[in-house]
Amino acid sequence: MIQVPQIEPVSNLIRNYLAILAKLKNGPVFLAQRSEPAAVLVSLAEWTEMANRLAQLEGLLASKRVVAAIDRGEMTTIKHDDLVKLLAEKRANATMGN
């Protein structure tokens, strides 16, 4: 269902902020200044949900870019066991150098 935006003048926020904050339980509140959109208020829960979703999507995009780079031959992969051996060798060499 499409939700009708809640629009309030900035002056109402100044005069009656508690009523505006109460509206957040129904969704974002769009603030207008001189009848032009100026800002959007969202609840902390909604903000957290959006931030978490954005982080998930950014991670997904990054992984797709890595897979594409591997497919193009721009990056290589290494097996886990080989990585463990390589790191152990580097650690041993670093210890000998001290």
PDB file of N, CA and C in Angstrom:
ATOM      1  N   MET A   1       0.834  -1.178   0.000  1.00  0.00           N
ATOM      2  CA  MET A   1       0.000   0.000   0.000  1.00  0.00           C
ATOM      3  C   MET A   1       0.880   1.243   0.000  1.00  0.00           C
ATOM      4  N   ILE A   2       0.534   2.191  -0.818  1.00  0.00           N
ATOM      5  CA  ILE A   2       1.286   3.441  -0.885  1.00  0.00           C
ATOM      6  C   ILE A   2       0.864   4.327   0.276  1.00  0.00           C
ATOM      7  N   GLN A   3       1.857   4.806   0.996  1.00  0.00           N
ATOM      8  CA  GLN A   3       1.596   5.649   2.156  1.00  0.00           C
ATOM      9  C   GLN A   3       1.647   7.120   1.742  1.00  0.00           C
ATOM     10  N   VAL A   4       0.648   7.869   2.164  1.00  0.00           N
ATOM     11  CA  VAL A   4       0.623   9.304   1.884  1.00  0.00           C
ATOM     12  C   VAL A   4       1.678   9.961   2.766  1.00  0.00           C
ATOM     13  N   PRO A   5       2.566  10.767   2.192  1.00  0.00           N
ATOM     14  CA  PRO A   5       3.619  11.385   2.997  1.00  0.00           C
ATOM     15  C   PRO A   5       3.047  12.323   4.058  1.00  0.00           C
ATOM     16  N   GLN A   6       3.688  12.289   5.202  1.00  0.00           N
ATOM     17  CA  GLN A   6       3.348  13.210   6.280  1.00  0.00           C
ATOM     18  C   GLN A   6       4.210  14.454   6.085  1.00  0.00           C
ATOM     19  N   ILE A   7       3.580  15.571   5.814  1.00  0.00           N
ATOM     20  CA  ILE A   7       4.314  16.805   5.543  1.00  0.00           C
ATOM     21  C   ILE A   7       3.965  17.825   6.613  1.00  0.00           C
ATOM     22  N   GLU A   8       4.987  18.434   7.168  1.00  0.00           N
ATOM     23  CA  GLU A   8       4.806  19.453   8.200  1.00  0.00           C
ATOM     24  C   GLU A   8       5.717  20.631   7.906  1.00  0.00           C
ATOM     25  N   PRO A   9       5.239  21.831   8.161  1.00  0.00           N
ATOM     26  CA  PRO A   9       6.127  22.989   8.046  1.00  0.00           C
ATOM     27  C   PRO A   9       7.182  22.954   9.150  1.00  0.00           C
ATOM     28  N   VAL A  10       8.355  23.448   8.852  1.00  0.00           N
ATOM     29  CA  VAL A  10       9.424  23.518   9.852  1.00  0.00           C
ATOM     30  C   VAL A  10       8.938  24.289  11.074  1.00  0.00           C
ATOM     31  N   SER A  11       8.131  25.304  10.867  1.00  0.00           N
ATOM     32  CA  SER A  11       7.628  26.109  11.991  1.00  0.00           C
ATOM     33  C   SER A  11       6.824  25.254  12.970  1.00  0.00           C
ATOM     34  N   ASN A  12       6.100  24.228  12.480  1.00  0.00           N
ATOM     35  CA  ASN A  12       5.379  23.326  13.386  1.00  0.00           C
ATOM     36  C   ASN A  12       6.347  22.512  14.232  1.00  0.00           C
ATOM     37  N   LEU A  13       7.465  22.152  13.661  1.00  0.00           N
ATOM     38  CA  LEU A  13       8.471  21.406  14.416  1.00  0.00           C
ATOM     39  C   LEU A  13       8.976  22.251  15.576  1.00  0.00           C
ATOM     40  N   ILE A  14       9.188  23.514  15.318  1.00  0.00           N
ATOM     41  CA  ILE A  14       9.682  24.417  16.360  1.00  0.00           C
ATOM     42  C   ILE A  14       8.629  24.586  17.452  1.00  0.00           C
ATOM     43  N   ARG A  15       7.374  24.757  17.055  1.00  0.00           N
ATOM     44  CA  ARG A  15       6.297  25.037  18.012  1.00  0.00           C
ATOM     45  C   ARG A  15       5.790  23.793  18.731  1.00  0.00           C
ATOM     46  N   ASN A  16       5.767  22.666  18.032  1.00  0.00           N
ATOM     47  CA  ASN A  16       5.122  21.483  18.591  1.00  0.00           C
ATOM     48  C   ASN A  16       5.902  20.221  18.226  1.00  0.00           C
ATOM     49  N   TYR A  17       7.146  20.175  18.645  1.00  0.00           N
ATOM     50  CA  TYR A  17       8.017  19.071  18.245  1.00  0.00           C
ATOM     51  C   TYR A  17       7.530  17.721  18.757  1.00  0.00           C
ATOM     52  N   LEU A  18       6.880  17.689  19.927  1.00  0.00           N
ATOM     53  CA  LEU A  18       6.416  16.404  20.462  1.00  0.00           C
ATOM     54  C   LEU A  18       5.366  15.768  19.551  1.00  0.00           C
ATOM     55  N   ALA A  19       4.473  16.567  19.009  1.00  0.00           N
ATOM     56  CA  ALA A  19       3.454  16.035  18.094  1.00  0.00           C
ATOM     57  C   ALA A  19       4.098  15.531  16.806  1.00  0.00           C
ATOM     58  N   ILE A  20       5.107  16.249  16.324  1.00  0.00           N
ATOM     59  CA  ILE A  20       5.805  15.824  15.101  1.00  0.00           C
ATOM     60  C   ILE A  20       6.545  14.514  15.364  1.00  0.00           C
ATOM     61  N   LEU A  21       7.233  14.434  16.502  1.00  0.00           N
ATOM     62  CA  LEU A  21       7.961  13.202  16.834  1.00  0.00           C
ATOM     63  C   LEU A  21       6.999  12.023  16.989  1.00  0.00           C
ATOM     64  N   ALA A  22       5.804  12.270  17.505  1.00  0.00           N
ATOM     65  CA  ALA A  22       4.815  11.195  17.656  1.00  0.00           C
ATOM     66  C   ALA A  22       4.394  10.642  16.294  1.00  0.00           C
ATOM     67  N   LYS A  23       4.408  11.470  15.271  1.00  0.00           N
ATOM     68  CA  LYS A  23       4.030  11.025  13.927  1.00  0.00           C
ATOM     69  C   LYS A  23       5.030  10.034  13.338  1.00  0.00           C
ATOM     70  N   LEU A  24       6.241  10.002  13.875  1.00  0.00           N
ATOM     71  CA  LEU A  24       7.269   9.116  13.328  1.00  0.00           C
ATOM     72  C   LEU A  24       6.881   7.645  13.424  1.00  0.00           C
ATOM     73  N   LYS A  25       5.989   7.314  14.360  1.00  0.00           N
ATOM     74  CA  LYS A  25       5.562   5.906  14.465  1.00  0.00           C
ATOM     75  C   LYS A  25       4.788   5.464  13.226  1.00  0.00           C
ATOM     76  N   ASN A  26       4.279   6.431  12.460  1.00  0.00           N
ATOM     77  CA  ASN A  26       3.548   6.128  11.223  1.00  0.00           C
ATOM     78  C   ASN A  26       4.419   6.237   9.981  1.00  0.00           C
ATOM     79  N   GLY A  27       5.681   6.569  10.160  1.00  0.00           N
ATOM     80  CA  GLY A  27       6.584   6.691   9.021  1.00  0.00           C
ATOM     81  C   GLY A  27       7.298   8.028   9.013  1.00  0.00           C
ATOM     82  N   PRO A  28       8.089   8.266   7.992  1.00  0.00           N
ATOM     83  CA  PRO A  28       8.870   9.504   7.910  1.00  0.00           C
ATOM     84  C   PRO A  28       7.972  10.745   7.885  1.00  0.00           C
ATOM     85  N   VAL A  29       8.522  11.833   8.407  1.00  0.00           N
ATOM     86  CA  VAL A  29       7.846  13.128   8.356  1.00  0.00           C
ATOM     87  C   VAL A  29       8.700  14.047   7.493  1.00  0.00           C
ATOM     88  N   PHE A  30       8.105  14.571   6.450  1.00  0.00           N
ATOM     89  CA  PHE A  30       8.798  15.492   5.549  1.00  0.00           C
ATOM     90  C   PHE A  30       8.587  16.904   6.061  1.00  0.00           C
ATOM     91  N   LEU A  31       9.678  17.629   6.236  1.00  0.00           N
ATOM     92  CA  LEU A  31       9.599  19.011   6.702  1.00  0.00           C
ATOM     93  C   LEU A  31       9.707  19.945   5.513  1.00  0.00           C
ATOM     94  N   ALA A  32       8.821  20.925   5.493  1.00  0.00           N
ATOM     95  CA  ALA A  32       8.803  21.893   4.397  1.00  0.00           C
ATOM     96  C   ALA A  32       9.131  23.280   4.939  1.00  0.00           C
ATOM     97  N   GLN A  33       9.923  23.985   4.172  1.00  0.00           N
ATOM     98  CA  GLN A  33      10.264  25.366   4.503  1.00  0.00           C
ATOM     99  C   GLN A  33       9.845  26.216   3.307  1.00  0.00           C
ATOM    100  N   ARG A  34       8.939  27.141   3.570  1.00  0.00           N
ATOM    101  CA  ARG A  34       8.363  27.964   2.496  1.00  0.00           C
ATOM    102  C   ARG A  34       7.757  27.075   1.396  1.00  0.00           C
ATOM    103  N   SER A  35       7.052  26.056   1.820  1.00  0.00           N
ATOM    104  CA  SER A  35       6.352  25.104   0.936  1.00  0.00           C
ATOM    105  C   SER A  35       7.283  24.265   0.067  1.00  0.00           C
ATOM    106  N   GLU A  36       8.563  24.266   0.359  1.00  0.00           N
ATOM    107  CA  GLU A  36       9.539  23.450  -0.375  1.00  0.00           C
ATOM    108  C   GLU A  36      10.100  22.384   0.559  1.00  0.00           C
ATOM    109  N   PRO A  37      10.301  21.163   0.068  1.00  0.00           N
ATOM    110  CA  PRO A  37      10.900  20.123   0.914  1.00  0.00           C
ATOM    111  C   PRO A  37      12.261  20.571   1.445  1.00  0.00           C
ATOM    112  N   ALA A  38      12.453  20.404   2.748  1.00  0.00           N
ATOM    113  CA  ALA A  38      13.706  20.836   3.372  1.00  0.00           C
ATOM    114  C   ALA A  38      14.444  19.690   4.055  1.00  0.00           C
ATOM    115  N   ALA A  39      13.699  18.749   4.632  1.00  0.00           N
ATOM    116  CA  ALA A  39      14.346  17.664   5.373  1.00  0.00           C
ATOM    117  C   ALA A  39      13.344  16.535   5.586  1.00  0.00           C
ATOM    118  N   VAL A  40      13.874  15.401   6.023  1.00  0.00           N
ATOM    119  CA  VAL A  40      13.028  14.253   6.349  1.00  0.00           C
ATOM    120  C   VAL A  40      13.435  13.754   7.726  1.00  0.00           C
ATOM    121  N   LEU A  41      12.454  13.569   8.583  1.00  0.00           N
ATOM    122  CA  LEU A  41      12.692  12.974   9.898  1.00  0.00           C
ATOM    123  C   LEU A  41      12.271  11.513   9.839  1.00  0.00           C
ATOM    124  N   VAL A  42      13.113  10.636  10.365  1.00  0.00           N
ATOM    125  CA  VAL A  42      12.756   9.222  10.469  1.00  0.00           C
ATOM    126  C   VAL A  42      13.038   8.766  11.886  1.00  0.00           C
ATOM    127  N   SER A  43      12.331   7.743  12.325  1.00  0.00           N
ATOM    128  CA  SER A  43      12.564   7.200  13.662  1.00  0.00           C
ATOM    129  C   SER A  43      13.936   6.540  13.709  1.00  0.00           C
ATOM    130  N   LEU A  44      14.452   6.390  14.908  1.00  0.00           N
ATOM    131  CA  LEU A  44      15.748   5.732  15.068  1.00  0.00           C
ATOM    132  C   LEU A  44      15.685   4.295  14.563  1.00  0.00           C
ATOM    133  N   ALA A  45      14.571   3.618  14.824  1.00  0.00           N
ATOM    134  CA  ALA A  45      14.425   2.231  14.357  1.00  0.00           C
ATOM    135  C   ALA A  45      14.468   2.166  12.836  1.00  0.00           C
ATOM    136  N   GLU A  46      13.762   3.085  12.184  1.00  0.00           N
ATOM    137  CA  GLU A  46      13.753   3.090  10.721  1.00  0.00           C
ATOM    138  C   GLU A  46      15.135   3.444  10.175  1.00  0.00           C
ATOM    139  N   TRP A  47      15.802   4.397  10.813  1.00  0.00           N
ATOM    140  CA  TRP A  47      17.151   4.785  10.383  1.00  0.00           C
ATOM    141  C   TRP A  47      18.099   3.592  10.496  1.00  0.00           C
ATOM    142  N   THR A  48      18.040   2.890  11.622  1.00  0.00           N
ATOM    143  CA  THR A  48      18.910   1.731  11.842  1.00  0.00           C
ATOM    144  C   THR A  48      18.642   0.653  10.801  1.00  0.00           C
ATOM    145  N   GLU A  49      17.370   0.411  10.513  1.00  0.00           N
ATOM    146  CA  GLU A  49      17.006  -0.582   9.499  1.00  0.00           C
ATOM    147  C   GLU A  49      17.557  -0.184   8.125  1.00  0.00           C
ATOM    148  N   MET A  50      17.428   1.082   7.774  1.00  0.00           N
ATOM    149  CA  MET A  50      17.936   1.545   6.476  1.00  0.00           C
ATOM    150  C   MET A  50      19.460   1.451   6.423  1.00  0.00           C
ATOM    151  N   ALA A  51      20.132   1.822   7.518  1.00  0.00           N
ATOM    152  CA  ALA A  51      21.594   1.768   7.547  1.00  0.00           C
ATOM    153  C   ALA A  51      22.085   0.328   7.434  1.00  0.00           C
ATOM    154  N   ASN A  52      21.420  -0.593   8.128  1.00  0.00           N
ATOM    155  CA  ASN A  52      21.801  -2.009   8.045  1.00  0.00           C
ATOM    156  C   ASN A  52      21.570  -2.558   6.642  1.00  0.00           C
ATOM    157  N   ARG A  53      20.451  -2.196   6.054  1.00  0.00           N
ATOM    158  CA  ARG A  53      20.146  -2.654   4.692  1.00  0.00           C
ATOM    159  C   ARG A  53      21.169  -2.111   3.702  1.00  0.00           C
ATOM    160  N   LEU A  54      21.533  -0.846   3.859  1.00  0.00           N
ATOM    161  CA  LEU A  54      22.542  -0.250   2.984  1.00  0.00           C
ATOM    162  C   LEU A  54      23.875  -0.976   3.129  1.00  0.00           C
ATOM    163  N   ALA A  55      24.265  -1.293   4.366  1.00  0.00           N
ATOM    164  CA  ALA A  55      25.521  -2.016   4.583  1.00  0.00           C
ATOM    165  C   ALA A  55      25.479  -3.386   3.902  1.00  0.00           C
ATOM    166  N   GLN A  56      24.337  -4.073   3.991  1.00  0.00           N
ATOM    167  CA  GLN A  56      24.193  -5.375   3.323  1.00  0.00           C
ATOM    168  C   GLN A  56      24.332  -5.229   1.811  1.00  0.00           C
ATOM    169  N   LEU A  57      23.665  -4.242   1.266  1.00  0.00           N
ATOM    170  CA  LEU A  57      23.710  -4.045  -0.187  1.00  0.00           C
ATOM    171  C   LEU A  57      25.107  -3.647  -0.657  1.00  0.00           C
ATOM    172  N   GLU A  58      25.805  -2.818   0.134  1.00  0.00           N
ATOM    173  CA  GLU A  58      27.175  -2.445  -0.232  1.00  0.00           C
ATOM    174  C   GLU A  58      28.092  -3.659  -0.201  1.00  0.00           C
ATOM    175  N   GLY A  59      27.905  -4.540   0.795  1.00  0.00           N
ATOM    176  CA  GLY A  59      28.692  -5.766   0.863  1.00  0.00           C
ATOM    177  C   GLY A  59      28.415  -6.685  -0.317  1.00  0.00           C
ATOM    178  N   LEU A  60      27.155  -6.796  -0.686  1.00  0.00           N
ATOM    179  CA  LEU A  60      26.779  -7.609  -1.842  1.00  0.00           C
ATOM    180  C   LEU A  60      27.400  -7.056  -3.118  1.00  0.00           C
ATOM    181  N   LEU A  61      27.344  -5.749  -3.289  1.00  0.00           N
ATOM    182  CA  LEU A  61      27.936  -5.119  -4.473  1.00  0.00           C
ATOM    183  C   LEU A  61      29.449  -5.344  -4.507  1.00  0.00           C
ATOM    184  N   ALA A  62      30.104  -5.199  -3.361  1.00  0.00           N
ATOM    185  CA  ALA A  62      31.554  -5.412  -3.307  1.00  0.00           C
ATOM    186  C   ALA A  62      31.900  -6.852  -3.688  1.00  0.00           C
ATOM    187  N   SER A  63      31.125  -7.815  -3.187  1.00  0.00           N
ATOM    188  CA  SER A  63      31.415  -9.216  -3.517  1.00  0.00           C
ATOM    189  C   SER A  63      31.176  -9.488  -5.001  1.00  0.00           C
ATOM    190  N   LYS A  64      30.149  -8.886  -5.577  1.00  0.00           N
ATOM    191  CA  LYS A  64      29.900  -9.061  -7.019  1.00  0.00           C
ATOM    192  C   LYS A  64      31.033  -8.453  -7.844  1.00  0.00           C
ATOM    193  N   ARG A  65      31.582  -7.344  -7.378  1.00  0.00           N
ATOM    194  CA  ARG A  65      32.708  -6.728  -8.090  1.00  0.00           C
ATOM    195  C   ARG A  65      33.943  -7.616  -8.033  1.00  0.00           C
ATOM    196  N   VAL A  66      34.179  -8.250  -6.887  1.00  0.00           N
ATOM    197  CA  VAL A  66      35.326  -9.153  -6.752  1.00  0.00           C
ATOM    198  C   VAL A  66      35.152 -10.355  -7.676  1.00  0.00           C
ATOM    199  N   VAL A  67      33.958 -10.939  -7.682  1.00  0.00           N
ATOM    200  CA  VAL A  67      33.705 -12.090  -8.559  1.00  0.00           C
ATOM    201  C   VAL A  67      33.910 -11.696 -10.019  1.00  0.00           C
ATOM    202  N   ALA A  68      33.434 -10.526 -10.408  1.00  0.00           N
ATOM    203  CA  ALA A  68      33.604 -10.061 -11.789  1.00  0.00           C
ATOM    204  C   ALA A  68      35.083  -9.857 -12.110  1.00  0.00           C
ATOM    205  N   ALA A  69      35.852  -9.308 -11.159  1.00  0.00           N
ATOM    206  CA  ALA A  69      37.287  -9.103 -11.379  1.00  0.00           C
ATOM    207  C   ALA A  69      38.005 -10.441 -11.513  1.00  0.00           C
ATOM    208  N   ILE A  70      37.601 -11.429 -10.732  1.00  0.00           N
ATOM    209  CA  ILE A  70      38.191 -12.771 -10.847  1.00  0.00           C
ATOM    210  C   ILE A  70      37.859 -13.357 -12.214  1.00  0.00           C
ATOM    211  N   ASP A  71      36.607 -13.207 -12.631  1.00  0.00           N
ATOM    212  CA  ASP A  71      36.192 -13.727 -13.944  1.00  0.00           C
ATOM    213  C   ASP A  71      36.966 -13.069 -15.084  1.00  0.00           C
ATOM    214  N   ARG A  72      37.323 -11.803 -14.929  1.00  0.00           N
ATOM    215  CA  ARG A  72      38.082 -11.087 -15.967  1.00  0.00           C
ATOM    216  C   ARG A  72      39.585 -11.359 -15.872  1.00  0.00           C
ATOM    217  N   GLY A  73      40.000 -12.089 -14.851  1.00  0.00           N
ATOM    218  CA  GLY A  73      41.413 -12.395 -14.682  1.00  0.00           C
ATOM    219  C   GLY A  73      42.201 -11.278 -14.018  1.00  0.00           C
ATOM    220  N   GLU A  74      41.510 -10.303 -13.446  1.00  0.00           N
ATOM    221  CA  GLU A  74      42.182  -9.177 -12.791  1.00  0.00           C
ATOM    222  C   GLU A  74      42.581  -9.500 -11.358  1.00  0.00           C
ATOM    223  N   MET A  75      41.981 -10.548 -10.797  1.00  0.00           N
ATOM    224  CA  MET A  75      42.295 -10.986  -9.436  1.00  0.00           C
ATOM    225  C   MET A  75      42.432 -12.501  -9.463  1.00  0.00           C
ATOM    226  N   THR A  76      43.163 -13.025  -8.508  1.00  0.00           N
ATOM    227  CA  THR A  76      43.297 -14.474  -8.402  1.00  0.00           C
ATOM    228  C   THR A  76      42.771 -14.920  -7.047  1.00  0.00           C
ATOM    229  N   THR A  77      42.575 -16.209  -6.933  1.00  0.00           N
ATOM    230  CA  THR A  77      42.098 -16.772  -5.675  1.00  0.00           C
ATOM    231  C   THR A  77      43.173 -17.692  -5.114  1.00  0.00           C
ATOM    232  N   ILE A  78      43.016 -18.037  -3.848  1.00  0.00           N
ATOM    233  CA  ILE A  78      43.943 -18.953  -3.198  1.00  0.00           C
ATOM    234  C   ILE A  78      43.118 -19.868  -2.298  1.00  0.00           C
ATOM    235  N   LYS A  79      43.488 -21.138  -2.258  1.00  0.00           N
ATOM    236  CA  LYS A  79      42.787 -22.087  -1.399  1.00  0.00           C
ATOM    237  C   LYS A  79      43.121 -21.777   0.053  1.00  0.00           C
ATOM    238  N   HIS A  80      42.179 -22.092   0.931  1.00  0.00           N
ATOM    239  CA  HIS A  80      42.346 -21.794   2.352  1.00  0.00           C
ATOM    240  C   HIS A  80      43.607 -22.440   2.918  1.00  0.00           C
ATOM    241  N   ASP A  81      43.819 -23.711   2.611  1.00  0.00           N
ATOM    242  CA  ASP A  81      45.003 -24.407   3.138  1.00  0.00           C
ATOM    243  C   ASP A  81      46.291 -23.740   2.665  1.00  0.00           C
ATOM    244  N   ASP A  82      46.316 -23.316   1.401  1.00  0.00           N
ATOM    245  CA  ASP A  82      47.501 -22.634   0.877  1.00  0.00           C
ATOM    246  C   ASP A  82      47.716 -21.293   1.575  1.00  0.00           C
ATOM    247  N   LEU A  83      46.634 -20.592   1.872  1.00  0.00           N
ATOM    248  CA  LEU A  83      46.742 -19.316   2.577  1.00  0.00           C
ATOM    249  C   LEU A  83      47.289 -19.522   3.981  1.00  0.00           C
ATOM    250  N   VAL A  84      46.805 -20.547   4.667  1.00  0.00           N
ATOM    251  CA  VAL A  84      47.292 -20.841   6.018  1.00  0.00           C
ATOM    252  C   VAL A  84      48.790 -21.122   5.983  1.00  0.00           C
ATOM    253  N   LYS A  85      49.243 -21.920   5.015  1.00  0.00           N
ATOM    254  CA  LYS A  85      50.674 -22.221   4.885  1.00  0.00           C
ATOM    255  C   LYS A  85      51.479 -20.962   4.590  1.00  0.00           C
ATOM    256  N   LEU A  86      50.986 -20.141   3.674  1.00  0.00           N
ATOM    257  CA  LEU A  86      51.677 -18.910   3.310  1.00  0.00           C
ATOM    258  C   LEU A  86      51.811 -17.980   4.511  1.00  0.00           C
ATOM    259  N   LEU A  87      50.750 -17.833   5.273  1.00  0.00           N
ATOM    260  CA  LEU A  87      50.798 -16.972   6.458  1.00  0.00           C
ATOM    261  C   LEU A  87      51.739 -17.536   7.514  1.00  0.00           C
ATOM    262  N   ALA A  88      51.740 -18.856   7.678  1.00  0.00           N
ATOM    263  CA  ALA A  88      52.649 -19.483   8.641  1.00  0.00           C
ATOM    264  C   ALA A  88      54.096 -19.247   8.236  1.00  0.00           C
ATOM    265  N   GLU A  89      54.388 -19.350   6.944  1.00  0.00           N
ATOM    266  CA  GLU A  89      55.749 -19.092   6.459  1.00  0.00           C
ATOM    267  C   GLU A  89      56.149 -17.641   6.710  1.00  0.00           C
ATOM    268  N   LYS A  90      55.250 -16.722   6.423  1.00  0.00           N
ATOM    269  CA  LYS A  90      55.559 -15.301   6.640  1.00  0.00           C
ATOM    270  C   LYS A  90      55.783 -15.017   8.116  1.00  0.00           C
ATOM    271  N   ARG A  91      54.964 -15.630   8.964  1.00  0.00           N
ATOM    272  CA  ARG A  91      55.113 -15.439  10.401  1.00  0.00           C
ATOM    273  C   ARG A  91      56.459 -15.992  10.869  1.00  0.00           C
ATOM    274  N   ALA A  92      56.832 -17.162  10.351  1.00  0.00           N
ATOM    275  CA  ALA A  92      58.110 -17.776  10.730  1.00  0.00           C
ATOM    276  C   ALA A  92      59.275 -16.912  10.265  1.00  0.00           C
ATOM    277  N   ASN A  93      59.193 -16.390   9.049  1.00  0.00           N
ATOM    278  CA  ASN A  93      60.257 -15.523   8.533  1.00  0.00           C
ATOM    279  C   ASN A  93      60.359 -14.232   9.330  1.00  0.00           C
ATOM    280  N   ALA A  94      59.230 -13.691   9.743  1.00  0.00           N
ATOM    281  CA  ALA A  94      59.235 -12.453  10.527  1.00  0.00           C
ATOM    282  C   ALA A  94      59.838 -12.703  11.901  1.00  0.00           C
ATOM    283  N   THR A  95      59.568 -13.874  12.475  1.00  0.00           N
ATOM    284  CA  THR A  95      60.109 -14.212  13.790  1.00  0.00           C
ATOM    285  C   THR A  95      61.618 -14.393  13.717  1.00  0.00           C
ATOM    286  N   MET A  96      62.113 -14.991  12.635  1.00  0.00           N
ATOM    287  CA  MET A  96      63.557 -15.195  12.473  1.00  0.00           C
ATOM    288  C   MET A  96      64.278 -13.872  12.273  1.00  0.00           C
ATOM    289  N   GLY A  97      63.606 -12.927  11.688  1.00  0.00           N
ATOM    290  CA  GLY A  97      64.226 -11.631  11.426  1.00  0.00           C
ATOM    291  C   GLY A  97      64.361 -10.782  12.675  1.00  0.00           C
ATOM    292  N   ASN A  98      63.649 -11.123  13.749  1.00  0.00           N
ATOM    293  CA  ASN A  98      63.714 -10.323  14.985  1.00  0.00           C
ATOM    294  C   ASN A  98      64.864 -10.696  15.815  1.00  0.00           C
TER     295      ASN A  98
END
